[in-house]
Every structure is written in structure tokens, then in C-alpha cells.
Amino acid sequence: MNSKEIQRLLHRDCKNSSGGITSLAYTLEKSPNILGNKLNVDCEQNQLSFIEAIELIATVQSKKTISAIAAQIDHIVVPMPRCADCGQDVLARFLDIAESSGRIGKEIKSAVSSDSELGRNLSQREKQRILAEVEQL
């Protein structure tokens, strides 16, 4: 995925946010037309700045954009646990994530083993099982 495709993800999330681009523009004290043009990768006269992109990503909680950026550098995004500031809570949430990740790893390992339906070539059913496990995280 290239940078224009990533910007298209952000553009779509901004359009689909509550009130759309117009509402976001007023929230960020920008002109709706200019913000719309900055988000549109086909509009060359206005360019979205790095700071503006960060503000928009945070405002619309664009997980797809952040995940696509992380994928560009071979990383993934893991949500921060929502818990009190207690170390016990953080540890418990971390262990929940580790347990879920282990289940996903087991599913993937099983799917790509030589005795799976298609060996290392995942079948559509196996892909759907893996995606379902990932979505549960």
C-alpha cells in the first residue's frame, strides 16, 4: 500500500465520521473546502501536512490508517489496554492479549501445516477462521 492509498483510507474515514469533512474542518478551525481538497489525493494544489494528518487520525480514530502506516514498516498496531493505573490491571490485560495472540498463532500454525486442507496454501475457510480469531482481539 503506498502513501496515496493510505491517505485515501484517512479521506474515507473523515467522510464517514460524524458530520463528515465539514464538521471536522470546523472542529480543527479549517475551511471545509480546503480540508476536503487536502484529503483528496487527486487534488494537487492543497497538500495535507503531517500535523494535520495526525490531528485527523486522532479525531476520527482512524485505526485503518494507523494500521496501514504500521504495515509500511513491517509492524502491527495493538490497542492499549483500558484499565486503571494499577499494575495488576495492566498485567491482567497484557496476559489477556498474550492468550488471544497464542490462540491466533495456533490457528495460523495449524492452517499452514503440511496436514492442513491445502498445506501451506490457505483455503478460504482457513483464512476466514484466522480473520475471525484476529477480529476477536
N, C-alpha and C. Protein backbone atom coordinates (compact mmCIF):
# COMPACT_ATOMS: atom_id res chain seq x y z
N MET A 1 0.86 -1.17 0.00
CA MET A 1 0.00 0.00 0.00
C MET A 1 0.91 1.23 0.00
N ASN A 2 0.68 2.13 -0.93
CA ASN A 2 1.51 3.34 -0.99
C ASN A 2 0.88 4.49 -0.20
N SER A 3 1.60 5.59 -0.14
CA SER A 3 1.14 6.72 0.69
C SER A 3 -0.19 7.30 0.21
N LYS A 4 -0.43 7.30 -1.09
CA LYS A 4 -1.71 7.82 -1.59
C LYS A 4 -2.87 6.91 -1.16
N GLU A 5 -2.63 5.62 -1.18
CA GLU A 5 -3.68 4.69 -0.74
C GLU A 5 -3.97 4.86 0.75
N ILE A 6 -2.91 5.11 1.53
CA ILE A 6 -3.10 5.35 2.96
C ILE A 6 -3.89 6.63 3.17
N GLN A 7 -3.58 7.66 2.39
CA GLN A 7 -4.32 8.92 2.51
C GLN A 7 -5.78 8.73 2.11
N ARG A 8 -6.03 7.86 1.14
CA ARG A 8 -7.42 7.57 0.76
C ARG A 8 -8.19 6.92 1.91
N LEU A 9 -7.50 6.07 2.69
CA LEU A 9 -8.15 5.47 3.87
C LEU A 9 -8.57 6.57 4.84
N LEU A 10 -7.66 7.50 5.09
CA LEU A 10 -7.97 8.61 6.01
C LEU A 10 -9.11 9.46 5.45
N HIS A 11 -9.08 9.73 4.15
CA HIS A 11 -10.13 10.52 3.50
C HIS A 11 -11.49 9.85 3.70
N ARG A 12 -11.54 8.54 3.48
CA ARG A 12 -12.80 7.80 3.64
C ARG A 12 -13.27 7.85 5.10
N ASP A 13 -12.35 7.65 6.04
CA ASP A 13 -12.73 7.71 7.46
C ASP A 13 -13.23 9.09 7.84
N CYS A 14 -12.62 10.13 7.29
CA CYS A 14 -13.07 11.51 7.57
C CYS A 14 -14.47 11.75 6.99
N LYS A 15 -14.70 11.27 5.77
CA LYS A 15 -16.02 11.42 5.15
C LYS A 15 -17.09 10.70 5.97
N ASN A 16 -16.73 9.52 6.50
CA ASN A 16 -17.69 8.70 7.23
C ASN A 16 -17.84 9.08 8.69
N SER A 17 -17.03 10.02 9.16
CA SER A 17 -17.12 10.44 10.56
C SER A 17 -18.39 11.24 10.79
N SER A 18 -18.77 11.39 12.02
CA SER A 18 -19.98 12.14 12.37
C SER A 18 -19.88 13.57 11.85
N GLY A 19 -20.76 13.94 10.95
CA GLY A 19 -20.74 15.28 10.38
C GLY A 19 -19.84 15.42 9.17
N GLY A 20 -19.06 14.39 8.88
CA GLY A 20 -18.20 14.39 7.70
C GLY A 20 -17.08 15.40 7.76
N ILE A 21 -16.53 15.70 6.60
CA ILE A 21 -15.38 16.60 6.49
C ILE A 21 -15.74 18.01 6.95
N THR A 22 -16.95 18.45 6.69
CA THR A 22 -17.35 19.80 7.10
C THR A 22 -17.26 19.95 8.61
N SER A 23 -17.79 19.01 9.33
CA SER A 23 -17.74 19.06 10.80
C SER A 23 -16.30 19.01 11.31
N LEU A 24 -15.49 18.14 10.70
CA LEU A 24 -14.08 18.05 11.09
C LEU A 24 -13.36 19.37 10.85
N ALA A 25 -13.65 19.98 9.71
CA ALA A 25 -12.99 21.25 9.38
C ALA A 25 -13.30 22.30 10.43
N TYR A 26 -14.54 22.41 10.83
CA TYR A 26 -14.90 23.41 11.85
C TYR A 26 -14.27 23.07 13.20
N THR A 27 -14.20 21.77 13.53
CA THR A 27 -13.55 21.35 14.77
C THR A 27 -12.07 21.75 14.78
N LEU A 28 -11.42 21.60 13.62
CA LEU A 28 -9.99 21.91 13.51
C LEU A 28 -9.74 23.35 13.06
N GLU A 29 -10.83 24.14 13.00
CA GLU A 29 -10.75 25.55 12.60
C GLU A 29 -10.11 25.71 11.22
N LYS A 30 -10.63 24.94 10.26
CA LYS A 30 -10.15 24.98 8.88
C LYS A 30 -11.34 25.18 7.96
N SER A 31 -11.07 25.59 6.75
CA SER A 31 -12.11 25.72 5.73
C SER A 31 -12.50 24.32 5.26
N PRO A 32 -13.81 24.01 5.21
CA PRO A 32 -14.24 22.69 4.74
C PRO A 32 -13.75 22.37 3.32
N ASN A 33 -13.79 23.37 2.42
CA ASN A 33 -13.34 23.13 1.04
C ASN A 33 -11.85 22.83 0.99
N ILE A 34 -11.07 23.60 1.72
CA ILE A 34 -9.62 23.39 1.71
C ILE A 34 -9.28 22.04 2.34
N LEU A 35 -9.91 21.71 3.47
CA LEU A 35 -9.63 20.42 4.11
C LEU A 35 -10.02 19.27 3.19
N GLY A 36 -11.17 19.39 2.53
CA GLY A 36 -11.59 18.36 1.58
C GLY A 36 -10.58 18.19 0.46
N ASN A 37 -10.06 19.32 -0.05
CA ASN A 37 -9.05 19.25 -1.11
C ASN A 37 -7.74 18.65 -0.60
N LYS A 38 -7.37 18.98 0.64
CA LYS A 38 -6.13 18.44 1.20
C LYS A 38 -6.23 16.92 1.38
N LEU A 39 -7.40 16.44 1.73
CA LEU A 39 -7.59 15.00 1.91
C LEU A 39 -7.66 14.25 0.57
N ASN A 40 -8.07 14.94 -0.48
CA ASN A 40 -8.22 14.34 -1.80
C ASN A 40 -6.86 14.21 -2.46
N VAL A 41 -6.37 12.98 -2.65
CA VAL A 41 -5.04 12.77 -3.22
C VAL A 41 -4.96 13.21 -4.68
N ASP A 42 -6.10 13.36 -5.33
CA ASP A 42 -6.11 13.78 -6.73
C ASP A 42 -6.06 15.30 -6.87
N CYS A 43 -6.14 16.01 -5.78
CA CYS A 43 -6.11 17.48 -5.80
C CYS A 43 -4.70 17.93 -5.40
N GLU A 44 -3.92 18.35 -6.38
CA GLU A 44 -2.50 18.66 -6.15
C GLU A 44 -2.25 20.02 -5.51
N GLN A 45 -3.19 20.98 -5.65
CA GLN A 45 -2.89 22.34 -5.17
C GLN A 45 -2.85 22.45 -3.65
N ASN A 46 -3.53 21.58 -2.93
CA ASN A 46 -3.51 21.61 -1.46
C ASN A 46 -2.96 20.28 -0.95
N GLN A 47 -1.97 20.35 -0.08
CA GLN A 47 -1.35 19.14 0.46
C GLN A 47 -1.61 19.06 1.96
N LEU A 48 -1.95 17.88 2.42
CA LEU A 48 -2.19 17.64 3.84
C LEU A 48 -0.84 17.60 4.57
N SER A 49 -0.70 18.40 5.61
CA SER A 49 0.55 18.39 6.37
C SER A 49 0.58 17.20 7.33
N PHE A 50 1.75 16.89 7.81
CA PHE A 50 1.93 15.80 8.76
C PHE A 50 1.11 16.05 10.02
N ILE A 51 1.19 17.26 10.55
CA ILE A 51 0.46 17.62 11.77
C ILE A 51 -1.05 17.52 11.54
N GLU A 52 -1.52 17.99 10.39
CA GLU A 52 -2.95 17.89 10.08
C GLU A 52 -3.38 16.43 10.00
N ALA A 53 -2.55 15.60 9.39
CA ALA A 53 -2.88 14.18 9.28
C ALA A 53 -2.99 13.55 10.67
N ILE A 54 -2.05 13.87 11.54
CA ILE A 54 -2.09 13.32 12.91
C ILE A 54 -3.36 13.78 13.63
N GLU A 55 -3.69 15.07 13.50
CA GLU A 55 -4.91 15.59 14.14
C GLU A 55 -6.14 14.87 13.63
N LEU A 56 -6.21 14.66 12.32
CA LEU A 56 -7.37 13.98 11.74
C LEU A 56 -7.44 12.52 12.17
N ILE A 57 -6.31 11.84 12.13
CA ILE A 57 -6.27 10.43 12.55
C ILE A 57 -6.77 10.30 13.98
N ALA A 58 -6.30 11.19 14.85
CA ALA A 58 -6.71 11.14 16.26
C ALA A 58 -8.18 11.50 16.42
N THR A 59 -8.64 12.51 15.69
CA THR A 59 -10.02 12.97 15.83
C THR A 59 -11.01 11.91 15.38
N VAL A 60 -10.74 11.26 14.24
CA VAL A 60 -11.69 10.26 13.72
C VAL A 60 -11.33 8.84 14.16
N GLN A 61 -10.26 8.72 14.97
CA GLN A 61 -9.83 7.40 15.46
C GLN A 61 -9.65 6.42 14.29
N SER A 62 -8.88 6.84 13.30
CA SER A 62 -8.70 6.07 12.07
C SER A 62 -7.72 4.91 12.27
N LYS A 63 -8.24 3.82 12.77
CA LYS A 63 -7.41 2.64 13.01
C LYS A 63 -6.86 2.04 11.71
N LYS A 64 -7.65 2.12 10.65
CA LYS A 64 -7.20 1.59 9.36
C LYS A 64 -5.98 2.36 8.85
N THR A 65 -6.00 3.67 9.02
CA THR A 65 -4.87 4.49 8.57
C THR A 65 -3.63 4.15 9.37
N ILE A 66 -3.76 4.09 10.68
CA ILE A 66 -2.62 3.78 11.54
C ILE A 66 -2.09 2.38 11.23
N SER A 67 -2.97 1.42 11.03
CA SER A 67 -2.54 0.05 10.71
C SER A 67 -1.81 0.00 9.38
N ALA A 68 -2.29 0.76 8.40
CA ALA A 68 -1.63 0.79 7.09
C ALA A 68 -0.24 1.43 7.19
N ILE A 69 -0.12 2.48 7.99
CA ILE A 69 1.19 3.12 8.19
C ILE A 69 2.14 2.12 8.86
N ALA A 70 1.66 1.44 9.89
CA ALA A 70 2.49 0.46 10.59
C ALA A 70 2.93 -0.66 9.65
N ALA A 71 2.03 -1.10 8.79
CA ALA A 71 2.35 -2.17 7.84
C ALA A 71 3.46 -1.76 6.88
N GLN A 72 3.55 -0.47 6.58
CA GLN A 72 4.60 0.03 5.68
C GLN A 72 5.99 -0.24 6.25
N ILE A 73 6.11 -0.32 7.57
CA ILE A 73 7.41 -0.58 8.19
C ILE A 73 7.40 -1.94 8.91
N ASP A 74 6.57 -2.84 8.39
CA ASP A 74 6.50 -4.22 8.89
C ASP A 74 6.19 -4.32 10.37
N HIS A 75 5.21 -3.53 10.81
CA HIS A 75 4.76 -3.57 12.20
C HIS A 75 3.24 -3.72 12.22
N ILE A 76 2.71 -4.01 13.38
CA ILE A 76 1.26 -4.06 13.57
C ILE A 76 0.87 -3.12 14.70
N VAL A 77 -0.39 -2.79 14.76
CA VAL A 77 -0.91 -1.93 15.81
C VAL A 77 -1.68 -2.79 16.80
N VAL A 78 -1.39 -2.61 18.07
CA VAL A 78 -2.09 -3.32 19.14
C VAL A 78 -2.73 -2.27 20.04
N PRO A 79 -4.03 -2.38 20.29
CA PRO A 79 -4.69 -1.37 21.13
C PRO A 79 -4.14 -1.37 22.55
N MET A 80 -4.09 -0.18 23.12
CA MET A 80 -3.67 -0.04 24.52
C MET A 80 -4.78 -0.56 25.41
N PRO A 81 -4.42 -1.25 26.48
CA PRO A 81 -5.46 -1.73 27.39
C PRO A 81 -6.14 -0.58 28.12
N ARG A 82 -7.44 -0.70 28.29
CA ARG A 82 -8.20 0.31 29.04
C ARG A 82 -8.37 -0.21 30.45
N CYS A 83 -7.60 0.33 31.34
CA CYS A 83 -7.67 -0.13 32.72
C CYS A 83 -7.20 0.99 33.64
N ALA A 84 -7.41 0.78 34.92
CA ALA A 84 -6.94 1.75 35.91
C ALA A 84 -5.42 1.77 35.88
N ASP A 85 -4.84 2.72 36.57
CA ASP A 85 -3.39 2.86 36.58
C ASP A 85 -2.69 1.82 37.44
N CYS A 86 -3.40 0.83 37.83
CA CYS A 86 -2.85 -0.22 38.69
C CYS A 86 -2.04 -1.21 37.85
N GLY A 87 -0.86 -1.56 38.34
CA GLY A 87 0.00 -2.51 37.64
C GLY A 87 -0.66 -3.86 37.44
N GLN A 88 -1.49 -4.27 38.39
CA GLN A 88 -2.20 -5.55 38.28
C GLN A 88 -3.13 -5.54 37.08
N ASP A 89 -3.83 -4.41 36.87
CA ASP A 89 -4.76 -4.30 35.75
C ASP A 89 -4.02 -4.37 34.42
N VAL A 90 -2.89 -3.67 34.34
CA VAL A 90 -2.10 -3.68 33.11
C VAL A 90 -1.59 -5.09 32.83
N LEU A 91 -1.10 -5.76 33.86
CA LEU A 91 -0.61 -7.13 33.70
C LEU A 91 -1.73 -8.06 33.26
N ALA A 92 -2.89 -7.94 33.87
CA ALA A 92 -4.03 -8.80 33.52
C ALA A 92 -4.42 -8.60 32.06
N ARG A 93 -4.47 -7.35 31.61
CA ARG A 93 -4.84 -7.07 30.22
C ARG A 93 -3.77 -7.59 29.26
N PHE A 94 -2.50 -7.41 29.63
CA PHE A 94 -1.41 -7.93 28.81
C PHE A 94 -1.53 -9.44 28.66
N LEU A 95 -1.83 -10.13 29.75
CA LEU A 95 -1.97 -11.59 29.70
C LEU A 95 -3.17 -12.00 28.85
N ASP A 96 -4.25 -11.21 28.89
CA ASP A 96 -5.40 -11.48 28.01
C ASP A 96 -4.98 -11.39 26.55
N ILE A 97 -4.22 -10.35 26.22
CA ILE A 97 -3.75 -10.17 24.85
C ILE A 97 -2.82 -11.31 24.45
N ALA A 98 -1.91 -11.69 25.35
CA ALA A 98 -0.98 -12.78 25.07
C ALA A 98 -1.74 -14.09 24.82
N GLU A 99 -2.77 -14.34 25.62
CA GLU A 99 -3.57 -15.55 25.46
C GLU A 99 -4.28 -15.55 24.10
N SER A 100 -4.88 -14.42 23.75
CA SER A 100 -5.56 -14.31 22.46
C SER A 100 -4.57 -14.48 21.31
N SER A 101 -3.41 -13.86 21.44
CA SER A 101 -2.39 -13.98 20.40
C SER A 101 -1.95 -15.42 20.24
N GLY A 102 -1.85 -16.13 21.36
CA GLY A 102 -1.48 -17.54 21.32
C GLY A 102 -2.50 -18.37 20.56
N ARG A 103 -3.77 -18.10 20.80
CA ARG A 103 -4.83 -18.81 20.07
C ARG A 103 -4.73 -18.54 18.58
N ILE A 104 -4.50 -17.28 18.23
CA ILE A 104 -4.38 -16.92 16.82
C ILE A 104 -3.17 -17.62 16.21
N GLY A 105 -2.05 -17.59 16.93
CA GLY A 105 -0.85 -18.27 16.45
C GLY A 105 -1.08 -19.75 16.22
N LYS A 106 -1.82 -20.37 17.13
CA LYS A 106 -2.12 -21.80 17.00
C LYS A 106 -2.97 -22.05 15.75
N GLU A 107 -3.97 -21.18 15.50
CA GLU A 107 -4.81 -21.31 14.31
C GLU A 107 -3.98 -21.18 13.04
N ILE A 108 -3.10 -20.20 13.02
CA ILE A 108 -2.27 -19.97 11.82
C ILE A 108 -1.32 -21.15 11.63
N LYS A 109 -0.69 -21.59 12.70
CA LYS A 109 0.23 -22.72 12.61
C LYS A 109 -0.49 -23.95 12.08
N SER A 110 -1.68 -24.19 12.58
CA SER A 110 -2.47 -25.33 12.13
C SER A 110 -2.85 -25.17 10.66
N ALA A 111 -3.19 -23.95 10.27
CA ALA A 111 -3.63 -23.71 8.89
C ALA A 111 -2.51 -23.90 7.88
N VAL A 112 -1.29 -23.58 8.26
CA VAL A 112 -0.19 -23.68 7.29
C VAL A 112 0.62 -24.96 7.46
N SER A 113 0.19 -25.85 8.33
CA SER A 113 0.92 -27.11 8.50
C SER A 113 0.70 -28.00 7.28
N SER A 114 1.58 -28.95 7.11
CA SER A 114 1.51 -29.81 5.93
C SER A 114 0.26 -30.69 5.91
N ASP A 115 -0.35 -30.93 7.07
CA ASP A 115 -1.56 -31.76 7.10
C ASP A 115 -2.85 -30.94 7.10
N SER A 116 -2.75 -29.64 6.81
CA SER A 116 -3.98 -28.84 6.71
C SER A 116 -4.62 -29.11 5.35
N GLU A 117 -5.77 -28.52 5.10
CA GLU A 117 -6.52 -28.79 3.87
C GLU A 117 -5.67 -28.62 2.62
N LEU A 118 -4.91 -27.54 2.55
CA LEU A 118 -4.13 -27.26 1.34
C LEU A 118 -2.64 -27.08 1.65
N GLY A 119 -2.18 -27.64 2.76
CA GLY A 119 -0.77 -27.47 3.11
C GLY A 119 -0.48 -26.01 3.41
N ARG A 120 0.57 -25.48 2.85
CA ARG A 120 0.94 -24.09 3.12
C ARG A 120 0.04 -23.09 2.38
N ASN A 121 -0.74 -23.55 1.42
CA ASN A 121 -1.69 -22.68 0.72
C ASN A 121 -2.99 -22.67 1.50
N LEU A 122 -3.31 -21.55 2.09
CA LEU A 122 -4.51 -21.47 2.92
C LEU A 122 -5.78 -21.55 2.08
N SER A 123 -6.72 -22.33 2.55
CA SER A 123 -8.02 -22.37 1.89
C SER A 123 -8.82 -21.15 2.35
N GLN A 124 -9.90 -20.87 1.66
CA GLN A 124 -10.75 -19.73 2.03
C GLN A 124 -11.31 -19.92 3.44
N ARG A 125 -11.69 -21.15 3.78
CA ARG A 125 -12.23 -21.43 5.11
C ARG A 125 -11.18 -21.17 6.19
N GLU A 126 -9.94 -21.58 5.92
CA GLU A 126 -8.87 -21.35 6.89
C GLU A 126 -8.59 -19.85 7.06
N LYS A 127 -8.60 -19.13 5.96
CA LYS A 127 -8.40 -17.67 6.03
C LYS A 127 -9.49 -17.02 6.87
N GLN A 128 -10.74 -17.46 6.66
CA GLN A 128 -11.85 -16.90 7.42
C GLN A 128 -11.73 -17.21 8.90
N ARG A 129 -11.28 -18.41 9.26
CA ARG A 129 -11.08 -18.76 10.67
C ARG A 129 -10.01 -17.89 11.30
N ILE A 130 -8.92 -17.67 10.57
CA ILE A 130 -7.83 -16.84 11.09
C ILE A 130 -8.31 -15.40 11.26
N LEU A 131 -9.01 -14.87 10.26
CA LEU A 131 -9.51 -13.49 10.36
C LEU A 131 -10.50 -13.35 11.51
N ALA A 132 -11.32 -14.36 11.73
CA ALA A 132 -12.27 -14.31 12.85
C ALA A 132 -11.53 -14.26 14.18
N GLU A 133 -10.45 -15.03 14.30
CA GLU A 133 -9.65 -15.00 15.53
C GLU A 133 -9.00 -13.63 15.72
N VAL A 134 -8.47 -13.05 14.65
CA VAL A 134 -7.83 -11.73 14.75
C VAL A 134 -8.84 -10.68 15.15
N GLU A 135 -10.04 -10.74 14.60
CA GLU A 135 -11.08 -9.77 14.94
C GLU A 135 -11.46 -9.83 16.41
N GLN A 136 -11.33 -11.00 17.03
CA GLN A 136 -11.67 -11.14 18.44
C GLN A 136 -10.69 -10.45 19.36
N LEU A 137 -9.49 -10.13 18.85
CA LEU A 137 -8.52 -9.38 19.67
C LEU A 137 -9.08 -8.02 19.92
